[in-house]
């Protein structure tokens, strides 16, 4: 049985997606078949193999991150799921959604993030090499209370800030917030005003916001230079120990 729900993927309308303002985004429920979603939640990589960061650029609080690479030891359900993400149906889905031609080259990178109390991601626009991202939320109802936060916020700057600026939440209008429980995922396409962020988590100690993120990268000079140096588009070595970090 497949992990991805192909019928649900076909129901996501590319024109509606791309017409969204201030940037294309959509929240999709049930993109993973429900029983497979539970398998993935039950077989997540153990936090002991994640790299721990006490802070990150534009954010605060504890972040546990694990970058996928081909030699990474993960449970079989995750191997099978990632294999599907690397195949034609899913990549064709992304191409339709983002309006890419068949000749447009892309490369996917993937990582898990576990985030604890007080973690936040300040409003930001992603790097230009990124065409967009697909965030799979992996908390079940028993694991997380939406009142603790964790939603990805769609923010509007009214065209006032360059993508390199660092405005606060108070400087932007919140347009929408993603749904995070019940086999939800959030997809957005980058533009020069695709501001998004996560407000500080208010979960109790021991609880974690768990996500798996697929990044759609364009093949630009930065990506090609990193490839020549044996790195993936995110800057991580393609063959490494699990806890390695980009330099």
C-alpha atoms as a PDB file:
ATOM      1  CA  UNK A   1       0.000   0.000   0.000  1.00  0.00           C
ATOM      2  CA  UNK A   2       1.238   3.449  -0.883  1.00  0.00           C
ATOM      3  CA  UNK A   3       1.968   6.137   1.673  1.00  0.00           C
ATOM      4  CA  UNK A   4       0.843   9.069  -0.452  1.00  0.00           C
ATOM      5  CA  UNK A   5      -2.847   9.431  -1.225  1.00  0.00           C
ATOM      6  CA  UNK A   6      -2.685  10.007  -4.969  1.00  0.00           C
ATOM      7  CA  UNK A   7      -6.378  10.854  -5.268  1.00  0.00           C
ATOM      8  CA  UNK A   8      -6.025  13.539  -2.594  1.00  0.00           C
ATOM      9  CA  UNK A   9      -2.996  14.929  -4.444  1.00  0.00           C
ATOM     10  CA  UNK A  10      -5.049  15.232  -7.632  1.00  0.00           C
ATOM     11  CA  UNK A  11      -7.719  17.218  -5.772  1.00  0.00           C
ATOM     12  CA  UNK A  12      -5.324  20.057  -4.960  1.00  0.00           C
ATOM     13  CA  UNK A  13      -6.004  22.661  -7.637  1.00  0.00           C
ATOM     14  CA  UNK A  14      -2.808  24.360  -8.911  1.00  0.00           C
ATOM     15  CA  UNK A  15      -4.608  27.498 -10.130  1.00  0.00           C
ATOM     16  CA  UNK A  16      -6.275  28.067  -6.778  1.00  0.00           C
ATOM     17  CA  UNK A  17      -2.955  27.471  -5.051  1.00  0.00           C
ATOM     18  CA  UNK A  18      -1.024  29.941  -7.204  1.00  0.00           C
ATOM     19  CA  UNK A  19      -3.759  32.587  -6.942  1.00  0.00           C
ATOM     20  CA  UNK A  20      -3.358  32.820  -3.159  1.00  0.00           C
ATOM     21  CA  UNK A  21      -2.005  36.071  -1.799  1.00  0.00           C
ATOM     22  CA  UNK A  22       0.410  37.253  -0.507  1.00  0.00           C
ATOM     23  CA  UNK A  23       2.053  34.043  -1.776  1.00  0.00           C
ATOM     24  CA  UNK A  24       0.862  30.610  -2.897  1.00  0.00           C
ATOM     25  CA  UNK A  25       0.039  28.303   0.010  1.00  0.00           C
ATOM     26  CA  UNK A  26      -2.360  25.553   0.939  1.00  0.00           C
ATOM     27  CA  UNK A  27      -3.112  23.311   3.907  1.00  0.00           C
ATOM     28  CA  UNK A  28      -3.968  19.739   2.863  1.00  0.00           C
ATOM     29  CA  UNK A  29      -5.532  17.088   5.085  1.00  0.00           C
ATOM     30  CA  UNK A  30      -4.982  13.401   4.366  1.00  0.00           C
ATOM     31  CA  UNK A  31      -2.151  13.623   1.851  1.00  0.00           C
ATOM     32  CA  UNK A  32      -0.723  10.530   3.545  1.00  0.00           C
ATOM     33  CA  UNK A  33      -2.979   7.498   3.836  1.00  0.00           C
ATOM     34  CA  UNK A  34      -4.220   7.465   7.443  1.00  0.00           C
ATOM     35  CA  UNK A  35      -2.844   4.085   8.501  1.00  0.00           C
ATOM     36  CA  UNK A  36       0.512   4.912   6.951  1.00  0.00           C
ATOM     37  CA  UNK A  37       0.509   8.276   8.730  1.00  0.00           C
ATOM     38  CA  UNK A  38       0.213   6.481  12.064  1.00  0.00           C
ATOM     39  CA  UNK A  39       3.068   4.162  11.090  1.00  0.00           C
ATOM     40  CA  UNK A  40       5.272   7.146  10.355  1.00  0.00           C
ATOM     41  CA  UNK A  41       4.395   8.756  13.683  1.00  0.00           C
ATOM     42  CA  UNK A  42       5.223   5.516  15.492  1.00  0.00           C
ATOM     43  CA  UNK A  43       8.584   5.019  13.765  1.00  0.00           C
ATOM     44  CA  UNK A  44      10.079   8.519  13.816  1.00  0.00           C
ATOM     45  CA  UNK A  45      13.863   8.635  14.259  1.00  0.00           C
ATOM     46  CA  UNK A  46      14.904   8.738  17.895  1.00  0.00           C
ATOM     47  CA  UNK A  47      15.763  12.182  19.166  1.00  0.00           C
ATOM     48  CA  UNK A  48      19.155  10.854  20.321  1.00  0.00           C
ATOM     49  CA  UNK A  49      20.422  10.912  16.704  1.00  0.00           C
ATOM     50  CA  UNK A  50      19.320  14.511  16.103  1.00  0.00           C
ATOM     51  CA  UNK A  51      21.710  17.461  16.266  1.00  0.00           C
ATOM     52  CA  UNK A  52      20.655  19.857  19.007  1.00  0.00           C
ATOM     53  CA  UNK A  53      20.801  23.592  18.432  1.00  0.00           C
ATOM     54  CA  UNK A  54      20.231  26.028  21.295  1.00  0.00           C
ATOM     55  CA  UNK A  55      19.173  28.692  18.806  1.00  0.00           C
ATOM     56  CA  UNK A  56      18.929  29.280  15.077  1.00  0.00           C
ATOM     57  CA  UNK A  57      19.067  32.263  12.786  1.00  0.00           C
ATOM     58  CA  UNK A  58      15.817  34.160  13.196  1.00  0.00           C
ATOM     59  CA  UNK A  59      14.514  31.906  15.978  1.00  0.00           C
ATOM     60  CA  UNK A  60      14.868  30.975  19.613  1.00  0.00           C
ATOM     61  CA  UNK A  61      14.659  27.929  21.846  1.00  0.00           C
ATOM     62  CA  UNK A  62      15.693  24.309  21.483  1.00  0.00           C
ATOM     63  CA  UNK A  63      15.696  22.768  18.037  1.00  0.00           C
ATOM     64  CA  UNK A  64      16.527  19.127  17.383  1.00  0.00           C
ATOM     65  CA  UNK A  65      17.251  18.640  13.663  1.00  0.00           C
ATOM     66  CA  UNK A  66      18.071  15.654  11.487  1.00  0.00           C
ATOM     67  CA  UNK A  67      18.905  15.999   7.797  1.00  0.00           C
ATOM     68  CA  UNK A  68      18.045  13.045   5.563  1.00  0.00           C
ATOM     69  CA  UNK A  69      20.869  11.531   3.554  1.00  0.00           C
ATOM     70  CA  UNK A  70      20.909   8.260   1.586  1.00  0.00           C
ATOM     71  CA  UNK A  71      22.936   6.304   4.169  1.00  0.00           C
ATOM     72  CA  UNK A  72      20.903   7.413   7.177  1.00  0.00           C
ATOM     73  CA  UNK A  73      19.649   4.570   9.387  1.00  0.00           C
ATOM     74  CA  UNK A  74      15.865   4.989   9.645  1.00  0.00           C
ATOM     75  CA  UNK A  75      12.896   2.657  10.090  1.00  0.00           C
ATOM     76  CA  UNK A  76      11.540   0.852   7.038  1.00  0.00           C
ATOM     77  CA  UNK A  77       8.288   2.894   6.873  1.00  0.00           C
ATOM     78  CA  UNK A  78      10.364   6.053   6.543  1.00  0.00           C
ATOM     79  CA  UNK A  79      12.574   4.455   3.899  1.00  0.00           C
ATOM     80  CA  UNK A  80       9.482   3.540   1.895  1.00  0.00           C
ATOM     81  CA  UNK A  81       7.860   6.958   2.350  1.00  0.00           C
ATOM     82  CA  UNK A  82      10.977   8.851   1.274  1.00  0.00           C
ATOM     83  CA  UNK A  83      11.344   6.542  -1.727  1.00  0.00           C
ATOM     84  CA  UNK A  84       7.819   7.600  -2.801  1.00  0.00           C
ATOM     85  CA  UNK A  85       8.706  11.264  -2.374  1.00  0.00           C
ATOM     86  CA  UNK A  86      11.646  10.759  -4.724  1.00  0.00           C
ATOM     87  CA  UNK A  87       9.488   9.179  -7.442  1.00  0.00           C
ATOM     88  CA  UNK A  88       7.534  10.656 -10.320  1.00  0.00           C
ATOM     89  CA  UNK A  89       4.034  11.001  -8.877  1.00  0.00           C
ATOM     90  CA  UNK A  90       5.063  13.265  -6.024  1.00  0.00           C
ATOM     91  CA  UNK A  91       7.496  15.334  -8.053  1.00  0.00           C
ATOM     92  CA  UNK A  92       4.897  15.715 -10.807  1.00  0.00           C
ATOM     93  CA  UNK A  93       2.487  16.938  -8.117  1.00  0.00           C
ATOM     94  CA  UNK A  94       4.973  19.608  -7.021  1.00  0.00           C
ATOM     95  CA  UNK A  95       5.647  20.631 -10.618  1.00  0.00           C
ATOM     96  CA  UNK A  96       1.925  21.082 -11.323  1.00  0.00           C
ATOM     97  CA  UNK A  97       1.445  23.023  -8.127  1.00  0.00           C
ATOM     98  CA  UNK A  98       4.416  25.357  -8.669  1.00  0.00           C
ATOM     99  CA  UNK A  99       3.802  25.725 -12.414  1.00  0.00           C
ATOM    100  CA  UNK A 100       7.170  24.251 -13.411  1.00  0.00           C
ATOM    101  CA  UNK A 101       7.976  23.028 -16.891  1.00  0.00           C
ATOM    102  CA  UNK A 102       9.113  19.418 -17.379  1.00  0.00           C
ATOM    103  CA  UNK A 103      12.598  20.752 -18.184  1.00  0.00           C
ATOM    104  CA  UNK A 104      12.925  22.745 -14.972  1.00  0.00           C
ATOM    105  CA  UNK A 105      15.445  20.913 -12.809  1.00  0.00           C
ATOM    106  CA  UNK A 106      14.749  20.592  -9.116  1.00  0.00           C
ATOM    107  CA  UNK A 107      16.333  18.752  -6.217  1.00  0.00           C
ATOM    108  CA  UNK A 108      14.540  17.782  -3.025  1.00  0.00           C
ATOM    109  CA  UNK A 109      16.131  17.929   0.401  1.00  0.00           C
ATOM    110  CA  UNK A 110      14.403  16.622   3.528  1.00  0.00           C
ATOM    111  CA  UNK A 111      14.767  16.958   7.272  1.00  0.00           C
ATOM    112  CA  UNK A 112      13.024  16.301  10.566  1.00  0.00           C
ATOM    113  CA  UNK A 113      12.620  19.006  13.215  1.00  0.00           C
ATOM    114  CA  UNK A 114      11.601  18.358  16.840  1.00  0.00           C
ATOM    115  CA  UNK A 115      11.015  21.597  18.737  1.00  0.00           C
ATOM    116  CA  UNK A 116      10.403  22.157  22.442  1.00  0.00           C
ATOM    117  CA  UNK A 117       9.087  24.836  24.813  1.00  0.00           C
ATOM    118  CA  UNK A 118       9.687  28.476  23.823  1.00  0.00           C
ATOM    119  CA  UNK A 119      10.986  27.551  20.384  1.00  0.00           C
ATOM    120  CA  UNK A 120      10.003  30.047  17.690  1.00  0.00           C
ATOM    121  CA  UNK A 121      10.832  30.889  14.104  1.00  0.00           C
ATOM    122  CA  UNK A 122      10.895  34.617  13.476  1.00  0.00           C
ATOM    123  CA  UNK A 123       9.206  35.955  10.328  1.00  0.00           C
ATOM    124  CA  UNK A 124      11.415  35.363   7.329  1.00  0.00           C
ATOM    125  CA  UNK A 125      11.521  34.711   3.588  1.00  0.00           C
ATOM    126  CA  UNK A 126      13.409  31.591   2.506  1.00  0.00           C
ATOM    127  CA  UNK A 127      16.597  31.632   0.454  1.00  0.00           C
ATOM    128  CA  UNK A 128      16.182  32.160  -3.285  1.00  0.00           C
ATOM    129  CA  UNK A 129      17.419  28.664  -4.123  1.00  0.00           C
ATOM    130  CA  UNK A 130      14.240  27.357  -2.485  1.00  0.00           C
ATOM    131  CA  UNK A 131      11.198  27.181  -4.743  1.00  0.00           C
ATOM    132  CA  UNK A 132       9.002  26.147  -1.854  1.00  0.00           C
ATOM    133  CA  UNK A 133       8.509  23.746   1.023  1.00  0.00           C
ATOM    134  CA  UNK A 134       6.120  20.999   2.070  1.00  0.00           C
ATOM    135  CA  UNK A 135       5.736  20.609   5.839  1.00  0.00           C
ATOM    136  CA  UNK A 136       4.262  17.344   7.161  1.00  0.00           C
ATOM    137  CA  UNK A 137       3.007  17.692  10.765  1.00  0.00           C
ATOM    138  CA  UNK A 138       3.577  14.500  12.754  1.00  0.00           C
ATOM    139  CA  UNK A 139       1.845  15.120  16.082  1.00  0.00           C
ATOM    140  CA  UNK A 140      -1.241  13.105  16.908  1.00  0.00           C
ATOM    141  CA  UNK A 141      -4.086  14.419  19.075  1.00  0.00           C
ATOM    142  CA  UNK A 142      -2.684  12.603  22.120  1.00  0.00           C
ATOM    143  CA  UNK A 143       0.718  14.253  21.609  1.00  0.00           C
ATOM    144  CA  UNK A 144      -0.125  17.898  21.119  1.00  0.00           C
ATOM    145  CA  UNK A 145      -2.643  20.583  22.077  1.00  0.00           C
ATOM    146  CA  UNK A 146      -3.142  23.259  19.380  1.00  0.00           C
ATOM    147  CA  UNK A 147      -3.347  25.836  22.169  1.00  0.00           C
ATOM    148  CA  UNK A 148       0.408  25.294  22.611  1.00  0.00           C
ATOM    149  CA  UNK A 149       0.956  26.755  19.133  1.00  0.00           C
ATOM    150  CA  UNK A 150       3.143  25.259  16.444  1.00  0.00           C
ATOM    151  CA  UNK A 151       1.114  26.490  13.492  1.00  0.00           C
ATOM    152  CA  UNK A 152       3.007  27.866  10.519  1.00  0.00           C
ATOM    153  CA  UNK A 153       1.761  31.424  10.043  1.00  0.00           C
ATOM    154  CA  UNK A 154       1.163  33.044   6.653  1.00  0.00           C
ATOM    155  CA  UNK A 155       2.221  36.677   7.022  1.00  0.00           C
ATOM    156  CA  UNK A 156       1.733  39.732   4.797  1.00  0.00           C
ATOM    157  CA  UNK A 157       4.154  42.659   4.717  1.00  0.00           C
ATOM    158  CA  UNK A 158       2.083  44.642   2.231  1.00  0.00           C
ATOM    159  CA  UNK A 159       5.136  44.742  -0.017  1.00  0.00           C
ATOM    160  CA  UNK A 160       7.022  46.947   2.446  1.00  0.00           C
ATOM    161  CA  UNK A 161      10.101  44.861   3.267  1.00  0.00           C
ATOM    162  CA  UNK A 162      12.885  43.320   1.180  1.00  0.00           C
ATOM    163  CA  UNK A 163      13.311  39.571   1.584  1.00  0.00           C
ATOM    164  CA  UNK A 164      16.489  40.129   3.596  1.00  0.00           C
ATOM    165  CA  UNK A 165      14.741  42.228   6.265  1.00  0.00           C
ATOM    166  CA  UNK A 166      14.014  40.977   9.788  1.00  0.00           C
ATOM    167  CA  UNK A 167      10.586  42.333  10.766  1.00  0.00           C
ATOM    168  CA  UNK A 168       8.811  41.126  13.892  1.00  0.00           C
ATOM    169  CA  UNK A 169       5.386  39.514  14.070  1.00  0.00           C
ATOM    170  CA  UNK A 170       4.007  42.902  15.111  1.00  0.00           C
ATOM    171  CA  UNK A 171       5.172  44.394  11.788  1.00  0.00           C
ATOM    172  CA  UNK A 172       3.182  41.942   9.651  1.00  0.00           C
ATOM    173  CA  UNK A 173      -0.441  40.992   9.176  1.00  0.00           C
ATOM    174  CA  UNK A 174      -1.314  37.373   9.920  1.00  0.00           C
ATOM    175  CA  UNK A 175      -3.300  36.060   6.967  1.00  0.00           C
ATOM    176  CA  UNK A 176      -3.675  32.409   7.968  1.00  0.00           C
ATOM    177  CA  UNK A 177      -2.341  29.662  10.206  1.00  0.00           C
ATOM    178  CA  UNK A 178      -1.786  26.062   9.209  1.00  0.00           C
ATOM    179  CA  UNK A 179      -3.664  23.141  10.730  1.00  0.00           C
ATOM    180  CA  UNK A 180      -1.276  20.804  12.532  1.00  0.00           C
ATOM    181  CA  UNK A 181      -3.290  17.858  13.876  1.00  0.00           C
ATOM    182  CA  UNK A 182      -5.031  15.070  11.986  1.00  0.00           C
ATOM    183  CA  UNK A 183      -2.637  14.140   9.175  1.00  0.00           C
ATOM    184  CA  UNK A 184      -2.143  17.692   7.954  1.00  0.00           C
ATOM    185  CA  UNK A 185       0.515  19.185   5.728  1.00  0.00           C
ATOM    186  CA  UNK A 186       1.271  22.724   4.602  1.00  0.00           C
ATOM    187  CA  UNK A 187       2.714  23.623   1.189  1.00  0.00           C
ATOM    188  CA  UNK A 188       3.914  27.039   0.115  1.00  0.00           C
ATOM    189  CA  UNK A 189       5.791  28.520  -2.825  1.00  0.00           C
ATOM    190  CA  UNK A 190       8.509  31.066  -2.241  1.00  0.00           C
ATOM    191  CA  UNK A 191       8.410  34.584  -3.595  1.00  0.00           C
ATOM    192  CA  UNK A 192      10.047  37.829  -2.474  1.00  0.00           C
ATOM    193  CA  UNK A 193       7.264  38.404   0.070  1.00  0.00           C
ATOM    194  CA  UNK A 194       6.540  34.858   1.278  1.00  0.00           C
ATOM    195  CA  UNK A 195       6.836  35.769   4.960  1.00  0.00           C
ATOM    196  CA  UNK A 196       6.126  32.995   7.408  1.00  0.00           C
ATOM    197  CA  UNK A 197       7.062  32.009  10.949  1.00  0.00           C
ATOM    198  CA  UNK A 198       6.105  30.153  14.122  1.00  0.00           C
ATOM    199  CA  UNK A 199       5.293  31.963  17.360  1.00  0.00           C
ATOM    200  CA  UNK A 200       6.951  30.731  20.589  1.00  0.00           C
ATOM    201  CA  UNK A 201       5.699  27.288  21.589  1.00  0.00           C
ATOM    202  CA  UNK A 202       3.828  27.106  24.887  1.00  0.00           C
ATOM    203  CA  UNK A 203       4.020  23.348  25.346  1.00  0.00           C
ATOM    204  CA  UNK A 204       5.050  21.812  28.678  1.00  0.00           C
ATOM    205  CA  UNK A 205       8.540  20.304  29.107  1.00  0.00           C
ATOM    206  CA  UNK A 206       8.866  16.930  27.423  1.00  0.00           C
ATOM    207  CA  UNK A 207       6.435  17.734  24.611  1.00  0.00           C
ATOM    208  CA  UNK A 208       7.747  18.357  21.113  1.00  0.00           C
ATOM    209  CA  UNK A 209       6.392  19.799  17.897  1.00  0.00           C
ATOM    210  CA  UNK A 210       7.384  17.225  15.270  1.00  0.00           C
ATOM    211  CA  UNK A 211       7.592  17.979  11.558  1.00  0.00           C
ATOM    212  CA  UNK A 212       9.155  16.515   8.434  1.00  0.00           C
ATOM    213  CA  UNK A 213       9.968  19.090   5.768  1.00  0.00           C
ATOM    214  CA  UNK A 214      10.551  18.590   2.057  1.00  0.00           C
ATOM    215  CA  UNK A 215      12.369  21.518   0.441  1.00  0.00           C
ATOM    216  CA  UNK A 216      12.094  22.033  -3.318  1.00  0.00           C
ATOM    217  CA  UNK A 217      15.389  23.528  -4.522  1.00  0.00           C
ATOM    218  CA  UNK A 218      16.106  25.119  -7.877  1.00  0.00           C
ATOM    219  CA  UNK A 219      19.465  24.213  -9.443  1.00  0.00           C
ATOM    220  CA  UNK A 220      21.272  27.556  -9.269  1.00  0.00           C
ATOM    221  CA  UNK A 221      24.939  28.484  -8.911  1.00  0.00           C
ATOM    222  CA  UNK A 222      24.872  28.075  -5.135  1.00  0.00           C
ATOM    223  CA  UNK A 223      23.463  24.559  -5.415  1.00  0.00           C
ATOM    224  CA  UNK A 224      25.949  23.623  -8.140  1.00  0.00           C
ATOM    225  CA  UNK A 225      28.872  24.944  -6.067  1.00  0.00           C
ATOM    226  CA  UNK A 226      27.724  22.966  -3.048  1.00  0.00           C
ATOM    227  CA  UNK A 227      27.365  19.873  -5.216  1.00  0.00           C
ATOM    228  CA  UNK A 228      30.972  20.237  -6.385  1.00  0.00           C
ATOM    229  CA  UNK A 229      32.009  20.322  -2.712  1.00  0.00           C
ATOM    230  CA  UNK A 230      30.063  17.129  -1.965  1.00  0.00           C
ATOM    231  CA  UNK A 231      27.162  18.902  -0.246  1.00  0.00           C
ATOM    232  CA  UNK A 232      23.419  18.903  -0.731  1.00  0.00           C
ATOM    233  CA  UNK A 233      21.532  22.151  -1.530  1.00  0.00           C
ATOM    234  CA  UNK A 234      21.063  22.855   2.190  1.00  0.00           C
ATOM    235  CA  UNK A 235      24.833  22.741   2.717  1.00  0.00           C
ATOM    236  CA  UNK A 236      25.045  19.355   4.465  1.00  0.00           C
ATOM    237  CA  UNK A 237      27.597  16.753   3.311  1.00  0.00           C
ATOM    238  CA  UNK A 238      25.887  14.113   1.191  1.00  0.00           C
ATOM    239  CA  UNK A 239      27.778  11.341   3.030  1.00  0.00           C
ATOM    240  CA  UNK A 240      28.403  11.928   6.719  1.00  0.00           C
ATOM    241  CA  UNK A 241      27.754  11.022  10.292  1.00  0.00           C
ATOM    242  CA  UNK A 242      24.142  11.746  11.312  1.00  0.00           C
ATOM    243  CA  UNK A 243      25.009  14.593  13.693  1.00  0.00           C
ATOM    244  CA  UNK A 244      27.087  16.625  11.221  1.00  0.00           C
ATOM    245  CA  UNK A 245      26.145  20.245  10.616  1.00  0.00           C
ATOM    246  CA  UNK A 246      26.622  22.471   7.568  1.00  0.00           C
ATOM    247  CA  UNK A 247      29.682  24.711   7.661  1.00  0.00           C
END
